[in-house]
Amino acid sequence: MQQIGESNSPVQPLDEMEQQTIMRIEEAEELIEENRRLIERSREILASAPELPAASGKAKRRT
């Protein structure tokens, strides 16, 4: 009869790769959420202060 440890050894590298993939996905999701919050905050700041020289300067360059 095989021991459990012996039967799982060929699968272990795949499990490690899957675990690393899951961690990378979670990190990416956190970064995406952080970027979304930063973009939302930036838009709020720009909307509340359209009279700022930097904001009006950018608007002039775009048009």
Protein backbone atom coordinates (compact mmCIF):
# COMPACT_ATOMS: atom_id res chain seq x y z
CA MET A 1 0.00 0.00 0.00
CA GLN A 2 1.34 3.46 -0.90
CA GLN A 3 1.65 6.15 1.67
CA ILE A 4 -0.22 9.38 1.12
CA GLY A 5 2.98 11.43 0.95
CA GLU A 6 4.35 9.28 -1.85
CA SER A 7 1.26 9.53 -4.01
CA ASN A 8 1.11 13.33 -3.70
CA SER A 9 4.75 14.04 -4.52
CA PRO A 10 4.33 14.28 -8.34
CA VAL A 11 1.40 16.64 -7.86
CA GLN A 12 3.15 18.95 -5.41
CA PRO A 13 4.87 21.22 -7.99
CA LEU A 14 1.51 21.77 -9.68
CA ASP A 15 -0.05 22.64 -6.33
CA GLU A 16 2.73 25.15 -5.68
CA MET A 17 2.21 26.70 -9.10
CA GLU A 18 -1.53 26.90 -8.50
CA GLN A 19 -0.95 28.50 -5.10
CA GLN A 20 1.41 31.08 -6.63
CA THR A 21 -1.10 31.78 -9.39
CA ILE A 22 -3.87 32.31 -6.85
CA MET A 23 -1.64 34.67 -4.85
CA ARG A 24 -0.77 36.67 -7.98
CA ILE A 25 -4.44 36.91 -8.93
CA GLU A 26 -5.33 38.15 -5.45
CA GLU A 27 -2.50 40.72 -5.55
CA ALA A 28 -3.64 41.90 -8.98
CA GLU A 29 -7.24 42.23 -7.76
CA GLU A 30 -6.04 44.32 -4.80
CA LEU A 31 -4.03 46.58 -7.10
CA ILE A 32 -6.97 46.99 -9.46
CA GLU A 33 -9.23 47.94 -6.57
CA GLU A 34 -6.66 50.40 -5.20
CA ASN A 35 -6.28 51.99 -8.64
CA ARG A 36 -10.06 52.23 -8.99
CA ARG A 37 -10.28 54.07 -5.65
CA LEU A 38 -7.43 56.41 -6.61
CA ILE A 39 -9.03 57.21 -9.96
CA GLU A 40 -12.37 57.86 -8.29
CA ARG A 41 -10.74 60.14 -5.71
CA SER A 42 -8.81 62.00 -8.42
CA ARG A 43 -12.01 62.60 -10.36
CA GLU A 44 -13.72 63.89 -7.22
CA ILE A 45 -10.86 66.29 -6.56
CA LEU A 46 -10.84 67.56 -10.14
CA ALA A 47 -14.62 67.95 -10.18
CA SER A 48 -14.64 69.90 -6.92
CA ALA A 49 -11.87 72.30 -7.98
CA PRO A 50 -12.23 73.07 -11.70
CA GLU A 51 -10.84 76.57 -11.15
CA LEU A 52 -7.36 75.28 -10.29
CA PRO A 53 -4.75 76.59 -12.76
CA ALA A 54 -3.36 73.11 -13.42
CA ALA A 55 -6.80 71.73 -14.20
CA SER A 56 -7.68 74.58 -16.55
CA GLY A 57 -4.28 74.35 -18.21
CA LYS A 58 -4.81 70.69 -18.96
CA ALA A 59 -8.26 71.39 -20.35
CA LYS A 60 -6.83 74.03 -22.70
CA ARG A 61 -4.14 71.67 -23.98
CA ARG A 62 -6.63 68.91 -24.74
CA THR A 63 -8.91 71.11 -26.85
